[in-house]
Amino acid sequence: MTTTDDKQINRQYCTDRIRVDYAHVGLFDAKSRNVWIAKKRWGVVPVRVSHARMLKGGTQDTSTAEKDRFICYWFHTPNTGEGHVHGYPIEWEEGHLLIRLDPNWNFVTRAFIPNTDTAKIERNIRTQLNWGQRIFEAYAARKPKFPLSWHAVGPRAADSIFYVERIEPGGGG
């Protein structure tokens, strides 16, 4: 699914092959619609790789402006996460896909949407939820051997949607 637009991707740290056998971070390219995940590498814990590290020019400690067109997400296999997310309880015995939702950021135009432009914000949220659904479906297609749910996680609890969808082992809903 790669395109010529993947030149920002640091292929030492990521791949476009979806995996459900280990916890990892990922990026969704809002421009090309590609999904990238952190590779499993010796000495690197894929769920702890910074999203910026997955891009050329970014490191584990510094970001890159190119990250502004990528939606960040976290994929957890059972028992690889802990605690609450924005105060909401998560059943970590199952698999979870936490996808960043940013109501005020347009990932395609790379522009801020002011709170006063509610119509644009609502369209932006719908677009990001559609992308989240697409990401979730890519993981569900891999037929994980555990229940898997996805969550749209905003900057605050009020901006988040927990348990958007859940599938049972083998890909059934």
N, C-alpha and C. Protein backbone atom coordinates (compact mmCIF):
# COMPACT_ATOMS: atom_id res chain seq x y z
N MET A 1 0.82 -1.19 0.00
CA MET A 1 0.00 0.00 0.00
C MET A 1 0.87 1.26 0.00
N THR A 2 2.15 1.13 -0.16
CA THR A 2 3.03 2.29 -0.12
C THR A 2 2.89 3.12 -1.39
N THR A 3 3.18 4.38 -1.26
CA THR A 3 3.15 5.31 -2.38
C THR A 3 4.46 6.07 -2.38
N THR A 4 4.62 6.94 -3.37
CA THR A 4 5.83 7.76 -3.40
C THR A 4 5.86 8.75 -2.24
N ASP A 5 4.72 8.94 -1.57
CA ASP A 5 4.65 9.86 -0.43
C ASP A 5 5.27 9.31 0.84
N ASP A 6 5.78 8.06 0.80
CA ASP A 6 6.32 7.48 2.02
C ASP A 6 7.77 7.89 2.28
N LYS A 7 8.28 8.87 1.56
CA LYS A 7 9.68 9.26 1.74
C LYS A 7 9.96 9.86 3.11
N GLN A 8 8.94 10.27 3.86
CA GLN A 8 9.14 10.77 5.21
C GLN A 8 9.27 9.64 6.22
N ILE A 9 8.87 8.45 5.85
CA ILE A 9 8.85 7.31 6.75
C ILE A 9 10.26 6.77 6.99
N ASN A 10 10.58 6.54 8.25
CA ASN A 10 11.86 5.95 8.62
C ASN A 10 11.68 4.43 8.63
N ARG A 11 12.02 3.80 7.53
CA ARG A 11 11.79 2.35 7.37
C ARG A 11 12.65 1.50 8.30
N GLN A 12 13.63 2.09 8.95
CA GLN A 12 14.39 1.34 9.96
C GLN A 12 13.50 1.03 11.16
N TYR A 13 12.53 1.90 11.40
CA TYR A 13 11.69 1.76 12.58
C TYR A 13 10.25 1.35 12.29
N CYS A 14 9.82 1.38 11.04
CA CYS A 14 8.43 1.05 10.79
C CYS A 14 8.21 0.34 9.46
N THR A 15 7.02 -0.25 9.36
CA THR A 15 6.60 -1.00 8.19
C THR A 15 5.13 -0.71 7.91
N ASP A 16 4.69 -1.00 6.70
CA ASP A 16 3.27 -0.81 6.38
C ASP A 16 2.49 -2.13 6.50
N ARG A 17 3.12 -3.16 7.06
CA ARG A 17 2.44 -4.45 7.27
C ARG A 17 1.83 -4.49 8.67
N ILE A 18 0.51 -4.53 8.73
CA ILE A 18 -0.21 -4.58 10.01
C ILE A 18 0.08 -5.91 10.70
N ARG A 19 0.36 -5.84 11.99
CA ARG A 19 0.62 -7.03 12.81
C ARG A 19 -0.25 -6.95 14.05
N VAL A 20 -0.72 -8.11 14.52
CA VAL A 20 -1.51 -8.14 15.75
C VAL A 20 -0.88 -9.02 16.82
N ASP A 21 0.38 -9.41 16.61
CA ASP A 21 1.03 -10.30 17.55
C ASP A 21 1.93 -9.59 18.56
N TYR A 22 2.03 -8.28 18.50
CA TYR A 22 2.79 -7.53 19.49
C TYR A 22 2.24 -6.10 19.61
N ALA A 23 2.42 -5.53 20.79
CA ALA A 23 1.97 -4.15 21.04
C ALA A 23 2.91 -3.19 20.32
N HIS A 24 2.33 -2.12 19.74
CA HIS A 24 3.15 -1.16 18.99
C HIS A 24 2.42 0.17 18.84
N VAL A 25 3.16 1.17 18.41
CA VAL A 25 2.56 2.45 18.03
C VAL A 25 2.43 2.46 16.52
N GLY A 26 1.61 3.38 16.03
CA GLY A 26 1.43 3.47 14.60
C GLY A 26 1.09 4.88 14.17
N LEU A 27 1.16 5.09 12.86
CA LEU A 27 0.82 6.36 12.24
C LEU A 27 -0.11 6.10 11.07
N PHE A 28 -1.12 6.96 10.92
CA PHE A 28 -1.99 6.94 9.76
C PHE A 28 -1.71 8.21 8.98
N ASP A 29 -1.31 8.07 7.73
CA ASP A 29 -0.99 9.22 6.87
C ASP A 29 -2.29 9.77 6.28
N ALA A 30 -2.69 10.95 6.73
CA ALA A 30 -3.94 11.55 6.27
C ALA A 30 -3.91 11.91 4.79
N LYS A 31 -2.73 12.08 4.24
CA LYS A 31 -2.62 12.44 2.82
C LYS A 31 -2.72 11.20 1.92
N SER A 32 -1.91 10.20 2.19
CA SER A 32 -1.89 9.00 1.34
C SER A 32 -2.82 7.90 1.83
N ARG A 33 -3.31 8.02 3.07
CA ARG A 33 -4.17 7.02 3.72
C ARG A 33 -3.45 5.72 4.04
N ASN A 34 -2.13 5.76 4.15
CA ASN A 34 -1.34 4.58 4.50
C ASN A 34 -1.26 4.44 6.01
N VAL A 35 -1.17 3.19 6.47
CA VAL A 35 -1.00 2.87 7.87
C VAL A 35 0.42 2.34 8.05
N TRP A 36 1.12 2.87 9.06
CA TRP A 36 2.49 2.46 9.37
C TRP A 36 2.54 2.03 10.82
N ILE A 37 3.32 0.97 11.11
CA ILE A 37 3.48 0.52 12.49
C ILE A 37 4.96 0.41 12.84
N ALA A 38 5.25 0.52 14.12
CA ALA A 38 6.63 0.35 14.60
C ALA A 38 7.01 -1.12 14.46
N LYS A 39 8.21 -1.34 13.92
CA LYS A 39 8.72 -2.70 13.74
C LYS A 39 9.15 -3.29 15.07
N LYS A 40 9.10 -4.61 15.11
CA LYS A 40 9.67 -5.33 16.25
C LYS A 40 11.15 -5.51 15.93
N ARG A 41 12.00 -4.86 16.71
CA ARG A 41 13.45 -4.89 16.49
C ARG A 41 14.14 -5.23 17.79
N TRP A 42 15.31 -5.84 17.67
CA TRP A 42 16.08 -6.17 18.85
C TRP A 42 16.42 -4.88 19.60
N GLY A 43 16.16 -4.87 20.89
CA GLY A 43 16.50 -3.73 21.73
C GLY A 43 15.50 -2.59 21.67
N VAL A 44 14.41 -2.76 20.92
CA VAL A 44 13.41 -1.70 20.79
C VAL A 44 12.04 -2.27 21.17
N VAL A 45 11.35 -1.60 22.09
CA VAL A 45 10.00 -2.01 22.47
C VAL A 45 9.04 -1.22 21.57
N PRO A 46 8.37 -1.89 20.62
CA PRO A 46 7.58 -1.18 19.60
C PRO A 46 6.46 -0.28 20.12
N VAL A 47 5.94 -0.56 21.31
CA VAL A 47 4.88 0.30 21.84
C VAL A 47 5.46 1.54 22.53
N ARG A 48 6.80 1.56 22.72
CA ARG A 48 7.45 2.71 23.35
C ARG A 48 8.22 3.58 22.37
N VAL A 49 8.20 3.22 21.09
CA VAL A 49 8.84 4.05 20.07
C VAL A 49 8.03 5.34 19.96
N SER A 50 8.69 6.48 19.92
CA SER A 50 7.94 7.72 19.75
C SER A 50 7.42 7.78 18.31
N HIS A 51 6.26 8.38 18.15
CA HIS A 51 5.69 8.50 16.80
C HIS A 51 6.63 9.29 15.89
N ALA A 52 7.27 10.30 16.43
CA ALA A 52 8.21 11.10 15.63
C ALA A 52 9.39 10.25 15.16
N ARG A 53 9.80 9.26 15.94
CA ARG A 53 10.92 8.40 15.58
C ARG A 53 10.62 7.62 14.31
N MET A 54 9.35 7.40 14.03
CA MET A 54 8.93 6.66 12.84
C MET A 54 9.10 7.47 11.56
N LEU A 55 9.43 8.76 11.72
CA LEU A 55 9.60 9.65 10.57
C LEU A 55 11.05 10.09 10.46
N LYS A 56 11.50 10.29 9.25
CA LYS A 56 12.86 10.79 9.05
C LYS A 56 12.95 12.19 9.65
N GLY A 57 14.00 12.42 10.40
CA GLY A 57 14.19 13.72 11.05
C GLY A 57 13.72 13.74 12.48
N GLY A 58 12.86 12.80 12.86
CA GLY A 58 12.39 12.73 14.23
C GLY A 58 13.25 11.76 15.02
N THR A 59 13.28 11.93 16.32
CA THR A 59 14.03 11.01 17.18
C THR A 59 13.12 10.59 18.31
N GLN A 60 13.66 9.84 19.24
CA GLN A 60 12.89 9.42 20.39
C GLN A 60 12.57 10.62 21.29
N ASP A 61 13.37 11.69 21.19
CA ASP A 61 13.21 12.85 22.07
C ASP A 61 12.74 14.11 21.36
N THR A 62 12.86 14.16 20.03
CA THR A 62 12.46 15.37 19.31
C THR A 62 11.48 15.02 18.21
N SER A 63 10.61 15.94 17.91
CA SER A 63 9.58 15.71 16.90
C SER A 63 10.02 16.27 15.56
N THR A 64 9.12 16.21 14.60
CA THR A 64 9.34 16.76 13.27
C THR A 64 8.03 17.36 12.80
N ALA A 65 8.09 18.43 12.04
CA ALA A 65 6.88 19.09 11.55
C ALA A 65 6.06 18.15 10.67
N GLU A 66 6.70 17.19 10.04
CA GLU A 66 5.99 16.25 9.18
C GLU A 66 4.95 15.44 9.94
N LYS A 67 5.11 15.30 11.24
CA LYS A 67 4.18 14.51 12.04
C LYS A 67 2.78 15.12 12.03
N ASP A 68 2.65 16.38 11.65
CA ASP A 68 1.37 17.07 11.68
C ASP A 68 0.34 16.52 10.69
N ARG A 69 0.75 15.67 9.77
CA ARG A 69 -0.22 15.09 8.83
C ARG A 69 -0.52 13.63 9.17
N PHE A 70 0.03 13.13 10.28
CA PHE A 70 -0.15 11.75 10.69
C PHE A 70 -0.97 11.66 11.96
N ILE A 71 -1.97 10.80 11.95
CA ILE A 71 -2.72 10.50 13.16
C ILE A 71 -1.96 9.43 13.92
N CYS A 72 -1.68 9.69 15.18
CA CYS A 72 -0.96 8.74 16.01
C CYS A 72 -1.94 7.75 16.63
N TYR A 73 -1.48 6.51 16.78
CA TYR A 73 -2.29 5.54 17.50
C TYR A 73 -1.40 4.54 18.22
N TRP A 74 -2.03 3.79 19.13
CA TRP A 74 -1.35 2.81 19.96
C TRP A 74 -2.14 1.51 19.88
N PHE A 75 -1.47 0.41 19.57
CA PHE A 75 -2.10 -0.90 19.50
C PHE A 75 -1.59 -1.73 20.67
N HIS A 76 -2.51 -2.21 21.50
CA HIS A 76 -2.15 -3.02 22.67
C HIS A 76 -2.71 -4.42 22.54
N THR A 77 -1.84 -5.41 22.63
CA THR A 77 -2.28 -6.79 22.76
C THR A 77 -2.72 -6.97 24.21
N PRO A 78 -3.41 -8.07 24.54
CA PRO A 78 -3.87 -8.25 25.93
C PRO A 78 -2.73 -8.12 26.95
N ASN A 79 -3.06 -7.41 28.02
CA ASN A 79 -2.17 -7.22 29.18
C ASN A 79 -0.91 -6.42 28.88
N THR A 80 -0.94 -5.55 27.88
CA THR A 80 0.22 -4.69 27.61
C THR A 80 -0.05 -3.23 27.95
N GLY A 81 -1.21 -2.95 28.49
CA GLY A 81 -1.52 -1.60 28.95
C GLY A 81 -1.99 -1.67 30.38
N GLU A 82 -2.13 -0.50 30.99
CA GLU A 82 -2.61 -0.48 32.37
C GLU A 82 -3.23 0.86 32.68
N GLY A 83 -4.10 0.86 33.68
CA GLY A 83 -4.70 2.09 34.17
C GLY A 83 -5.88 2.56 33.35
N HIS A 84 -6.32 3.77 33.69
CA HIS A 84 -7.45 4.40 33.03
C HIS A 84 -6.94 5.33 31.93
N VAL A 85 -7.78 5.60 30.95
CA VAL A 85 -7.49 6.57 29.90
C VAL A 85 -8.46 7.74 30.09
N HIS A 86 -7.93 8.90 30.41
CA HIS A 86 -8.75 10.08 30.76
C HIS A 86 -9.78 9.73 31.83
N GLY A 87 -9.39 8.89 32.78
CA GLY A 87 -10.28 8.50 33.87
C GLY A 87 -11.25 7.39 33.51
N TYR A 88 -11.21 6.90 32.27
CA TYR A 88 -12.13 5.86 31.83
C TYR A 88 -11.47 4.49 31.99
N PRO A 89 -12.17 3.52 32.60
CA PRO A 89 -11.56 2.20 32.80
C PRO A 89 -11.48 1.41 31.49
N ILE A 90 -10.35 0.80 31.26
CA ILE A 90 -10.11 -0.02 30.07
C ILE A 90 -9.84 -1.45 30.54
N GLU A 91 -10.41 -2.43 29.86
CA GLU A 91 -10.19 -3.84 30.18
C GLU A 91 -8.93 -4.31 29.47
N TRP A 92 -7.80 -4.16 30.13
CA TRP A 92 -6.51 -4.45 29.50
C TRP A 92 -6.26 -5.93 29.26
N GLU A 93 -7.14 -6.81 29.75
CA GLU A 93 -7.01 -8.24 29.45
C GLU A 93 -7.34 -8.51 27.99
N GLU A 94 -7.90 -7.53 27.31
CA GLU A 94 -8.26 -7.64 25.90
C GLU A 94 -7.33 -6.75 25.08
N GLY A 95 -7.45 -6.81 23.76
CA GLY A 95 -6.67 -5.95 22.88
C GLY A 95 -7.37 -4.61 22.69
N HIS A 96 -6.57 -3.56 22.50
CA HIS A 96 -7.12 -2.21 22.33
C HIS A 96 -6.34 -1.43 21.29
N LEU A 97 -7.07 -0.68 20.50
CA LEU A 97 -6.50 0.24 19.53
C LEU A 97 -6.96 1.63 19.95
N LEU A 98 -6.01 2.45 20.40
CA LEU A 98 -6.32 3.80 20.84
C LEU A 98 -5.85 4.75 19.75
N ILE A 99 -6.80 5.46 19.14
CA ILE A 99 -6.50 6.33 18.01
C ILE A 99 -6.71 7.78 18.43
N ARG A 100 -5.71 8.59 18.19
CA ARG A 100 -5.79 10.01 18.55
C ARG A 100 -6.92 10.67 17.76
N LEU A 101 -7.71 11.45 18.46
CA LEU A 101 -8.77 12.26 17.85
C LEU A 101 -8.48 13.71 18.21
N ASP A 102 -8.31 14.55 17.23
CA ASP A 102 -8.03 15.96 17.49
C ASP A 102 -9.07 16.81 16.77
N PRO A 103 -10.12 17.22 17.48
CA PRO A 103 -11.21 17.97 16.85
C PRO A 103 -10.76 19.27 16.17
N ASN A 104 -9.73 19.91 16.69
CA ASN A 104 -9.30 21.21 16.16
C ASN A 104 -8.17 21.15 15.14
N TRP A 105 -7.69 19.96 14.79
CA TRP A 105 -6.58 19.88 13.85
C TRP A 105 -7.02 19.16 12.58
N ASN A 106 -6.87 19.85 11.44
CA ASN A 106 -7.15 19.23 10.15
C ASN A 106 -5.84 18.64 9.65
N PHE A 107 -5.75 17.31 9.64
CA PHE A 107 -4.51 16.63 9.26
C PHE A 107 -4.21 16.74 7.77
N VAL A 108 -5.22 16.98 6.95
CA VAL A 108 -5.00 17.10 5.50
C VAL A 108 -4.43 18.47 5.16
N THR A 109 -5.07 19.53 5.65
CA THR A 109 -4.61 20.89 5.36
C THR A 109 -3.51 21.35 6.32
N ARG A 110 -3.34 20.59 7.41
CA ARG A 110 -2.38 20.91 8.46
C ARG A 110 -2.65 22.30 9.02
N ALA A 111 -3.92 22.50 9.35
CA ALA A 111 -4.35 23.80 9.86
C ALA A 111 -5.22 23.62 11.10
N PHE A 112 -5.13 24.60 12.00
CA PHE A 112 -5.93 24.64 13.21
C PHE A 112 -7.34 25.12 12.87
N ILE A 113 -8.35 24.48 13.46
CA ILE A 113 -9.74 24.90 13.29
C ILE A 113 -10.16 25.56 14.61
N PRO A 114 -10.53 26.83 14.57
CA PRO A 114 -10.92 27.50 15.82
C PRO A 114 -12.21 26.92 16.40
N ASN A 115 -12.33 26.96 17.72
CA ASN A 115 -13.52 26.44 18.40
C ASN A 115 -14.80 27.10 17.92
N THR A 116 -14.71 28.31 17.40
CA THR A 116 -15.90 29.02 16.94
C THR A 116 -16.46 28.45 15.64
N ASP A 117 -15.68 27.68 14.91
CA ASP A 117 -16.13 27.10 13.64
C ASP A 117 -16.64 25.68 13.87
N THR A 118 -17.80 25.60 14.53
CA THR A 118 -18.32 24.30 14.96
C THR A 118 -18.66 23.38 13.79
N ALA A 119 -19.13 23.91 12.69
CA ALA A 119 -19.45 23.06 11.53
C ALA A 119 -18.20 22.37 11.00
N LYS A 120 -17.09 23.11 10.90
CA LYS A 120 -15.83 22.50 10.44
C LYS A 120 -15.31 21.48 11.44
N ILE A 121 -15.46 21.79 12.72
CA ILE A 121 -15.00 20.85 13.75
C ILE A 121 -15.80 19.55 13.66
N GLU A 122 -17.11 19.64 13.50
CA GLU A 122 -17.94 18.44 13.39
C GLU A 122 -17.57 17.61 12.16
N ARG A 123 -17.33 18.27 11.03
CA ARG A 123 -16.89 17.56 9.81
C ARG A 123 -15.53 16.89 10.04
N ASN A 124 -14.65 17.61 10.72
CA ASN A 124 -13.32 17.10 11.01
C ASN A 124 -13.40 15.86 11.90
N ILE A 125 -14.23 15.90 12.91
CA ILE A 125 -14.41 14.74 13.79
C ILE A 125 -14.94 13.55 12.99
N ARG A 126 -15.95 13.76 12.14
CA ARG A 126 -16.48 12.67 11.32
C ARG A 126 -15.40 12.07 10.43
N THR A 127 -14.58 12.94 9.82
CA THR A 127 -13.49 12.46 8.96
C THR A 127 -12.52 11.61 9.76
N GLN A 128 -12.12 12.10 10.92
CA GLN A 128 -11.16 11.36 11.74
C GLN A 128 -11.75 10.04 12.25
N LEU A 129 -13.03 10.02 12.58
CA LEU A 129 -13.67 8.78 13.00
C LEU A 129 -13.74 7.78 11.83
N ASN A 130 -13.98 8.28 10.63
CA ASN A 130 -13.97 7.39 9.46
C ASN A 130 -12.58 6.79 9.25
N TRP A 131 -11.54 7.60 9.43
CA TRP A 131 -10.17 7.08 9.32
C TRP A 131 -9.91 6.06 10.42
N GLY A 132 -10.38 6.36 11.63
CA GLY A 132 -10.23 5.42 12.74
C GLY A 132 -10.89 4.09 12.42
N GLN A 133 -12.06 4.15 11.82
CA GLN A 133 -12.77 2.93 11.43
C GLN A 133 -11.94 2.14 10.41
N ARG A 134 -11.34 2.85 9.49
CA ARG A 134 -10.50 2.21 8.47
C ARG A 134 -9.29 1.53 9.11
N ILE A 135 -8.66 2.20 10.07
CA ILE A 135 -7.51 1.62 10.77
C ILE A 135 -7.96 0.37 11.53
N PHE A 136 -9.07 0.48 12.25
CA PHE A 136 -9.59 -0.66 13.01
C PHE A 136 -9.89 -1.84 12.10
N GLU A 137 -10.50 -1.58 10.96
CA GLU A 137 -10.82 -2.66 10.02
C GLU A 137 -9.56 -3.35 9.50
N ALA A 138 -8.47 -2.59 9.34
CA ALA A 138 -7.21 -3.20 8.91
C ALA A 138 -6.70 -4.18 9.97
N TYR A 139 -6.86 -3.83 11.24
CA TYR A 139 -6.46 -4.73 12.32
C TYR A 139 -7.42 -5.91 12.43
N ALA A 140 -8.71 -5.66 12.33
CA ALA A 140 -9.71 -6.73 12.42
C ALA A 140 -9.50 -7.75 11.30
N ALA A 141 -9.07 -7.30 10.13
CA ALA A 141 -8.83 -8.20 8.99
C ALA A 141 -7.71 -9.19 9.28
N ARG A 142 -6.84 -8.88 10.24
CA ARG A 142 -5.75 -9.78 10.62
C ARG A 142 -6.24 -10.87 11.57
N LYS A 143 -7.53 -10.83 11.93
CA LYS A 143 -8.19 -11.83 12.78
C LYS A 143 -7.41 -12.14 14.06
N PRO A 144 -7.30 -11.13 14.93
CA PRO A 144 -6.58 -11.36 16.19
C PRO A 144 -7.24 -12.48 17.01
N LYS A 145 -6.44 -13.15 17.82
CA LYS A 145 -6.92 -14.27 18.64
C LYS A 145 -7.42 -13.80 20.00
N PHE A 146 -7.81 -12.55 20.07
CA PHE A 146 -8.30 -11.95 21.31
C PHE A 146 -9.34 -10.90 20.96
N PRO A 147 -10.23 -10.58 21.91
CA PRO A 147 -11.18 -9.49 21.66
C PRO A 147 -10.40 -8.19 21.42
N LEU A 148 -10.87 -7.38 20.51
CA LEU A 148 -10.21 -6.13 20.17
C LEU A 148 -11.24 -5.01 20.08
N SER A 149 -10.97 -3.91 20.77
CA SER A 149 -11.83 -2.72 20.75
C SER A 149 -11.02 -1.54 20.28
N TRP A 150 -11.72 -0.56 19.70
CA TRP A 150 -11.00 0.67 19.36
C TRP A 150 -11.66 1.85 20.04
N HIS A 151 -10.83 2.85 20.33
CA HIS A 151 -11.23 4.04 21.07
C HIS A 151 -10.67 5.27 20.34
N ALA A 152 -11.47 6.30 20.24
CA ALA A 152 -11.01 7.59 19.71
C ALA A 152 -10.67 8.44 20.92
N VAL A 153 -9.40 8.77 21.11
CA VAL A 153 -8.95 9.45 22.32
C VAL A 153 -8.58 10.89 22.00
N GLY A 154 -9.39 11.81 22.51
CA GLY A 154 -9.17 13.22 22.29
C GLY A 154 -8.29 13.84 23.34
N PRO A 155 -8.08 15.15 23.25
CA PRO A 155 -7.23 15.82 24.23
C PRO A 155 -7.82 15.80 25.65
N ARG A 156 -9.12 15.67 25.75
CA ARG A 156 -9.80 15.59 27.05
C ARG A 156 -10.80 14.43 27.00
N ALA A 157 -11.26 13.99 28.16
CA ALA A 157 -12.25 12.91 28.21
C ALA A 157 -13.50 13.27 27.40
N ALA A 158 -13.92 14.54 27.48
CA ALA A 158 -15.12 14.97 26.77
C ALA A 158 -14.97 14.89 25.24
N ASP A 159 -13.73 14.88 24.75
CA ASP A 159 -13.46 14.79 23.32
C ASP A 159 -13.29 13.34 22.85
N SER A 160 -13.35 12.40 23.78
CA SER A 160 -13.04 11.00 23.49
C SER A 160 -14.31 10.17 23.32
N ILE A 161 -14.16 9.07 22.58
CA ILE A 161 -15.23 8.09 22.43
C ILE A 161 -14.59 6.74 22.74
N PHE A 162 -15.04 6.11 23.82
CA PHE A 162 -14.47 4.83 24.24
C PHE A 162 -15.33 3.69 23.72
N TYR A 163 -14.68 2.59 23.40
CA TYR A 163 -15.33 1.39 22.88
C TYR A 163 -16.22 1.71 21.68
N VAL A 164 -15.64 2.34 20.66
CA VAL A 164 -16.36 2.66 19.43
C VAL A 164 -16.89 1.37 18.81
N GLU A 165 -16.03 0.36 18.76
CA GLU A 165 -16.42 -0.93 18.21
C GLU A 165 -15.55 -2.01 18.84
N ARG A 166 -16.09 -3.22 18.90
CA ARG A 166 -15.38 -4.35 19.48
C ARG A 166 -15.62 -5.57 18.63
N ILE A 167 -14.58 -6.38 18.44
CA ILE A 167 -14.74 -7.65 17.76
C ILE A 167 -14.28 -8.78 18.67
N GLU A 168 -14.80 -9.95 18.43
CA GLU A 168 -14.42 -11.15 19.17
C GLU A 168 -13.26 -11.84 18.44
N PRO A 169 -12.59 -12.76 19.09
CA PRO A 169 -11.48 -13.49 18.45
C PRO A 169 -11.89 -14.09 17.10
N GLY A 170 -10.98 -13.96 16.14
CA GLY A 170 -11.25 -14.48 14.80
C GLY A 170 -11.88 -13.45 13.87
N GLY A 171 -12.21 -12.26 14.38
CA GLY A 171 -12.72 -11.18 13.53
C GLY A 171 -14.21 -10.98 13.57
N GLY A 172 -14.97 -11.78 14.31
CA GLY A 172 -16.42 -11.60 14.37
C GLY A 172 -16.82 -10.45 15.24
N GLY A 173 -17.93 -9.78 14.95
CA GLY A 173 -18.36 -8.63 15.74
C GLY A 173 -19.30 -8.95 16.83
